[in-house]
Amino acid sequence: MTQHSRDTPQFYLTAPSPCPYLPGRQERKVFTHLVGDRAPQLNDVLTQGGFRRSQNIAYRPACENCRACVSTRVVARNFVLMRPFRRILRANTDVIVNEIPAHPTSEQYALFRSYLDHRHSEGGMADMSVLDYGLMIEDTHVETLLIEYRLPATQAGQPGELIGCALTDVLSDGLSMVYSFYDAENCAHRSLGTFMVLDHIARTRRLALPYLYLGYWVEGSRKMAYKARFAPQEHLGSSGWTTHRKTTGNRS
């Protein structure tokens, strides 16, 4: 790649493909590469403009007749800890949370595969190999980290069982949850997906950063419904980021 293309990102448009969120629709994405010394700054700007990161690619929906995908971020300092959230925090007081460098392990991949098999067996990531997982974690030029969630150790000197993991980018104005997965089969009572978001909101506040980026919210998509619960939040529209206070039920 030339120095010019590193300094001036080139944007590309994908061909139409089936939408993973709304049946019967087609999606297209505009994307660019996040490489070189300026990748962290570019990732900041693009995330603030509604892009998401996957490995060294930043992408955003560019569907011709649909604007259903709405970029969402939680205003961390004003987050409202509602009663259902407090119950989830109490249910997970024994969970040990560790922030580690973004390096893949076989233990993480086993949990990742289990999560896909139980929650996204027909999704676009269902066929990801251990090599694909490694690339998802390590193929990046931006500041990113892994946050592991474990049960207490049952043997002295040994780590507890891994029940959740989040790949998280560190931005100038917040944290961005790139991808998270957890034990959906054995830990349903813990509402781990919600717990991990709550932990990231608290982490964002401790870092004195304003926002936690949650990616896209799609009205009418059951997969995305949980995101509307975290308030107050802002949605990106034609007039920029604006406050959106709608909440849904207590499904986690």
Protein backbone atom coordinates (compact mmCIF):
# COMPACT_ATOMS: atom_id res chain seq x y z
CA MET A 1 0.00 0.00 0.00
CA THR A 2 1.40 3.42 -0.94
CA GLN A 3 1.99 6.23 1.54
CA HIS A 4 -0.74 8.24 -0.20
CA SER A 5 -3.35 5.53 0.35
CA ARG A 6 -2.30 5.20 3.99
CA ASP A 7 -2.83 8.94 4.57
CA THR A 8 -5.95 9.24 2.44
CA PRO A 9 -8.33 6.32 3.02
CA GLN A 10 -10.02 4.80 -0.01
CA PHE A 11 -13.66 3.75 0.37
CA TYR A 12 -15.32 0.81 -1.38
CA LEU A 13 -18.89 -0.47 -1.74
CA THR A 14 -19.83 -4.13 -1.33
CA ALA A 15 -22.26 -5.99 -3.56
CA PRO A 16 -25.79 -6.59 -2.23
CA SER A 17 -26.24 -9.55 0.14
CA PRO A 18 -29.06 -10.81 2.41
CA CYS A 19 -29.63 -8.61 5.46
CA PRO A 20 -28.78 -10.45 8.72
CA TYR A 21 -31.29 -8.43 10.75
CA LEU A 22 -34.43 -7.90 8.68
CA PRO A 23 -35.71 -10.84 6.59
CA GLY A 24 -36.30 -10.24 2.91
CA ARG A 25 -34.01 -7.23 2.65
CA GLN A 26 -30.63 -6.72 1.03
CA GLU A 27 -27.68 -4.95 2.59
CA ARG A 28 -24.66 -3.14 1.21
CA LYS A 29 -21.71 -1.68 3.10
CA VAL A 30 -19.17 1.02 2.46
CA PHE A 31 -15.77 0.18 3.92
CA THR A 32 -12.15 1.24 4.17
CA HIS A 33 -8.93 -0.17 5.61
CA LEU A 34 -7.56 0.81 9.02
CA VAL A 35 -3.81 0.48 8.56
CA GLY A 36 -0.67 2.44 9.30
CA ASP A 37 0.23 4.97 11.97
CA ARG A 38 -2.95 6.98 11.47
CA ALA A 39 -5.27 4.02 11.99
CA PRO A 40 -6.20 4.96 15.60
CA GLN A 41 -7.16 8.52 14.66
CA LEU A 42 -9.09 7.30 11.62
CA ASN A 43 -10.89 4.74 13.74
CA ASP A 44 -11.92 7.52 16.13
CA VAL A 45 -13.30 9.71 13.36
CA LEU A 46 -15.09 6.89 11.57
CA THR A 47 -16.63 5.47 14.74
CA GLN A 48 -17.97 8.92 15.60
CA GLY A 49 -19.39 8.96 12.06
CA GLY A 50 -21.25 5.69 12.42
CA PHE A 51 -18.67 3.14 11.26
CA ARG A 52 -17.86 -0.16 13.00
CA ARG A 53 -14.57 -2.05 13.05
CA SER A 54 -13.95 -5.66 12.01
CA GLN A 55 -10.25 -6.60 12.05
CA ASN A 56 -8.52 -3.89 9.99
CA ILE A 57 -11.72 -2.87 8.20
CA ALA A 58 -14.08 -0.02 9.13
CA TYR A 59 -17.56 -0.37 7.59
CA ARG A 60 -20.97 1.27 7.62
CA PRO A 61 -24.30 0.22 6.09
CA ALA A 62 -24.99 1.86 2.73
CA CYS A 63 -28.28 0.24 1.74
CA GLU A 64 -30.11 1.93 -1.11
CA ASN A 65 -33.66 1.88 0.29
CA CYS A 66 -33.19 1.27 4.00
CA ARG A 67 -31.87 3.27 6.95
CA ALA A 68 -32.83 0.81 9.68
CA CYS A 69 -29.31 0.40 11.11
CA VAL A 70 -28.82 3.24 13.60
CA SER A 71 -25.47 3.87 15.30
CA THR A 72 -25.94 3.86 19.08
CA ARG A 73 -23.87 5.05 22.01
CA VAL A 74 -24.63 5.22 25.74
CA VAL A 75 -24.01 8.50 27.58
CA ALA A 76 -22.00 6.85 30.35
CA ARG A 77 -21.94 9.60 32.95
CA ASN A 78 -25.76 9.92 32.90
CA PHE A 79 -26.53 6.21 32.70
CA VAL A 80 -29.56 5.17 34.73
CA LEU A 81 -29.06 1.96 36.73
CA MET A 82 -32.64 0.65 36.75
CA ARG A 83 -33.85 -2.07 39.12
CA PRO A 84 -33.48 -4.93 36.59
CA PHE A 85 -29.86 -3.89 36.06
CA ARG A 86 -29.21 -3.90 39.80
CA ARG A 87 -30.57 -7.45 40.00
CA ILE A 88 -28.20 -8.55 37.23
CA LEU A 89 -25.24 -6.96 39.00
CA ARG A 90 -26.15 -8.78 42.22
CA ALA A 91 -26.40 -12.08 40.32
CA ASN A 92 -22.82 -11.62 39.09
CA THR A 93 -21.00 -10.34 42.16
CA ASP A 94 -18.83 -13.47 42.09
CA VAL A 95 -17.62 -12.90 38.51
CA ILE A 96 -13.94 -12.00 38.22
CA VAL A 97 -13.22 -9.45 35.48
CA ASN A 98 -9.75 -9.06 33.97
CA GLU A 99 -8.48 -6.73 31.25
CA ILE A 100 -5.81 -8.44 29.15
CA PRO A 101 -3.89 -7.77 25.90
CA ALA A 102 -5.71 -8.75 22.70
CA HIS A 103 -4.22 -12.20 22.15
CA PRO A 104 -6.38 -15.23 21.28
CA THR A 105 -6.39 -18.45 23.30
CA SER A 106 -7.86 -21.90 22.73
CA GLU A 107 -10.06 -21.38 25.80
CA GLN A 108 -11.56 -18.24 24.28
CA TYR A 109 -12.16 -19.97 20.97
CA ALA A 110 -13.97 -22.87 22.65
CA LEU A 111 -16.32 -20.40 24.34
CA PHE A 112 -16.70 -18.44 21.09
CA ARG A 113 -17.69 -21.62 19.19
CA SER A 114 -20.18 -22.59 21.88
CA TYR A 115 -21.73 -19.11 21.76
CA LEU A 116 -22.10 -19.19 17.97
CA ASP A 117 -23.62 -22.68 18.07
CA HIS A 118 -26.25 -21.62 20.60
CA ARG A 119 -27.03 -18.08 19.48
CA HIS A 120 -25.91 -17.59 15.87
CA SER A 121 -25.71 -21.02 14.27
CA GLU A 122 -26.94 -19.67 10.93
CA GLY A 123 -25.14 -16.32 11.01
CA GLY A 124 -22.29 -15.10 8.89
CA MET A 125 -19.71 -16.04 11.55
CA ALA A 126 -20.92 -19.62 12.05
CA ASP A 127 -18.09 -21.17 10.04
CA MET A 128 -15.23 -19.24 11.63
CA SER A 129 -12.18 -21.41 12.31
CA VAL A 130 -9.65 -20.98 15.07
CA LEU A 131 -7.48 -19.10 12.56
CA ASP A 132 -10.38 -16.78 11.73
CA TYR A 133 -10.90 -16.13 15.43
CA GLY A 134 -7.24 -15.31 15.87
CA LEU A 135 -7.41 -12.78 13.05
CA MET A 136 -10.54 -11.21 14.55
CA ILE A 137 -8.63 -10.58 17.77
CA GLU A 138 -5.15 -9.67 16.55
CA ASP A 139 -5.53 -8.21 13.05
CA THR A 140 -5.78 -4.58 14.07
CA HIS A 141 -3.76 -1.36 13.97
CA VAL A 142 -5.81 0.39 16.66
CA GLU A 143 -5.75 0.26 20.46
CA THR A 144 -7.86 -2.70 21.48
CA LEU A 145 -8.04 -5.09 24.41
CA LEU A 146 -9.83 -8.17 25.69
CA ILE A 147 -11.92 -8.25 28.83
CA GLU A 148 -12.42 -11.73 30.28
CA TYR A 149 -15.19 -12.72 32.70
CA ARG A 150 -14.50 -15.76 34.89
CA LEU A 151 -16.06 -17.73 37.71
CA PRO A 152 -14.07 -18.04 40.95
CA ALA A 153 -11.26 -20.58 40.83
CA THR A 154 -12.06 -24.05 42.16
CA GLN A 155 -8.38 -24.99 42.58
CA ALA A 156 -5.65 -22.87 44.12
CA GLY A 157 -3.40 -21.31 41.51
CA GLN A 158 -5.75 -22.05 38.63
CA PRO A 159 -7.96 -19.50 36.84
CA GLY A 160 -11.71 -19.91 37.13
CA GLU A 161 -13.90 -20.98 34.23
CA LEU A 162 -14.12 -18.46 31.38
CA ILE A 163 -17.79 -17.51 30.89
CA GLY A 164 -17.55 -14.32 28.87
CA CYS A 165 -15.20 -12.26 26.72
CA ALA A 166 -15.36 -8.85 25.05
CA LEU A 167 -13.15 -7.38 22.34
CA THR A 168 -13.11 -3.65 23.03
CA ASP A 169 -11.55 -0.66 21.27
CA VAL A 170 -10.26 2.33 23.22
CA LEU A 171 -11.23 5.60 21.53
CA SER A 172 -10.51 9.22 22.36
CA ASP A 173 -14.13 9.76 23.48
CA GLY A 174 -15.08 6.34 24.82
CA LEU A 175 -15.01 2.58 24.49
CA SER A 176 -16.42 0.59 21.59
CA MET A 177 -17.65 -2.98 22.10
CA VAL A 178 -16.44 -4.59 18.89
CA TYR A 179 -17.66 -8.10 19.69
CA SER A 180 -18.67 -10.02 22.81
CA PHE A 181 -19.58 -13.62 23.50
CA TYR A 182 -20.43 -15.69 26.56
CA ASP A 183 -21.69 -19.00 27.92
CA ALA A 184 -25.27 -18.83 26.65
CA GLU A 185 -26.01 -22.46 27.50
CA ASN A 186 -25.06 -22.73 31.17
CA CYS A 187 -25.24 -19.12 32.41
CA ALA A 188 -28.63 -17.93 31.16
CA HIS A 189 -29.62 -17.02 34.74
CA ARG A 190 -26.78 -14.49 34.86
CA SER A 191 -27.89 -12.39 31.85
CA LEU A 192 -24.23 -12.14 30.89
CA GLY A 193 -24.81 -10.08 27.75
CA THR A 194 -26.42 -7.32 29.81
CA PHE A 195 -23.86 -7.69 32.61
CA MET A 196 -20.98 -7.18 30.19
CA VAL A 197 -22.53 -3.98 28.85
CA LEU A 198 -23.06 -2.74 32.41
CA ASP A 199 -19.42 -3.50 33.19
CA HIS A 200 -18.33 -1.56 30.11
CA ILE A 201 -20.45 1.44 31.09
CA ALA A 202 -18.82 1.44 34.54
CA ARG A 203 -15.41 1.04 32.92
CA THR A 204 -16.11 3.99 30.60
CA ARG A 205 -17.05 6.14 33.58
CA ARG A 206 -13.91 5.19 35.50
CA LEU A 207 -11.85 6.29 32.50
CA ALA A 208 -13.73 9.63 32.51
CA LEU A 209 -14.79 9.03 28.91
CA PRO A 210 -18.23 10.17 27.75
CA TYR A 211 -19.51 7.32 25.57
CA LEU A 212 -19.84 3.57 25.22
CA TYR A 213 -20.41 2.68 21.56
CA LEU A 214 -22.73 -0.32 21.10
CA GLY A 215 -22.79 -0.54 17.31
CA TYR A 216 -26.07 -0.63 15.40
CA TRP A 217 -29.59 -0.76 16.77
CA VAL A 218 -32.24 -1.98 14.35
CA GLU A 219 -35.87 -1.34 15.24
CA GLY A 220 -37.84 -4.54 14.69
CA SER A 221 -34.81 -6.81 15.09
CA ARG A 222 -34.98 -9.11 18.12
CA LYS A 223 -31.19 -9.50 18.01
CA MET A 224 -30.75 -5.77 18.56
CA ALA A 225 -33.65 -5.06 20.94
CA TYR A 226 -31.53 -5.25 24.10
CA LYS A 227 -29.48 -2.19 23.16
CA ALA A 228 -32.41 0.19 23.62
CA ARG A 229 -32.51 -0.63 27.34
CA PHE A 230 -29.35 1.31 28.19
CA ALA A 231 -30.37 4.93 28.71
CA PRO A 232 -29.77 7.70 28.10
CA GLN A 233 -28.31 6.95 24.72
CA GLU A 234 -27.67 8.85 21.53
CA HIS A 235 -28.48 7.80 17.98
CA LEU A 236 -26.72 9.06 14.87
CA GLY A 237 -29.02 10.57 12.27
CA SER A 238 -28.99 13.16 9.52
CA SER A 239 -28.65 15.91 12.16
CA GLY A 240 -25.81 14.23 14.00
CA TRP A 241 -25.94 12.52 17.39
CA THR A 242 -29.21 13.15 19.23
CA THR A 243 -30.63 11.85 22.51
CA HIS A 244 -32.90 8.82 22.28
CA ARG A 245 -34.64 7.73 25.48
CA LYS A 246 -36.88 4.90 24.31
CA THR A 247 -36.49 1.72 26.37
CA THR A 248 -37.86 -1.77 25.93
CA GLY A 249 -38.72 -4.64 28.22
CA ASN A 250 -36.37 -6.48 30.52
CA ARG A 251 -35.22 -9.22 28.14
CA SER A 252 -31.45 -9.80 28.40
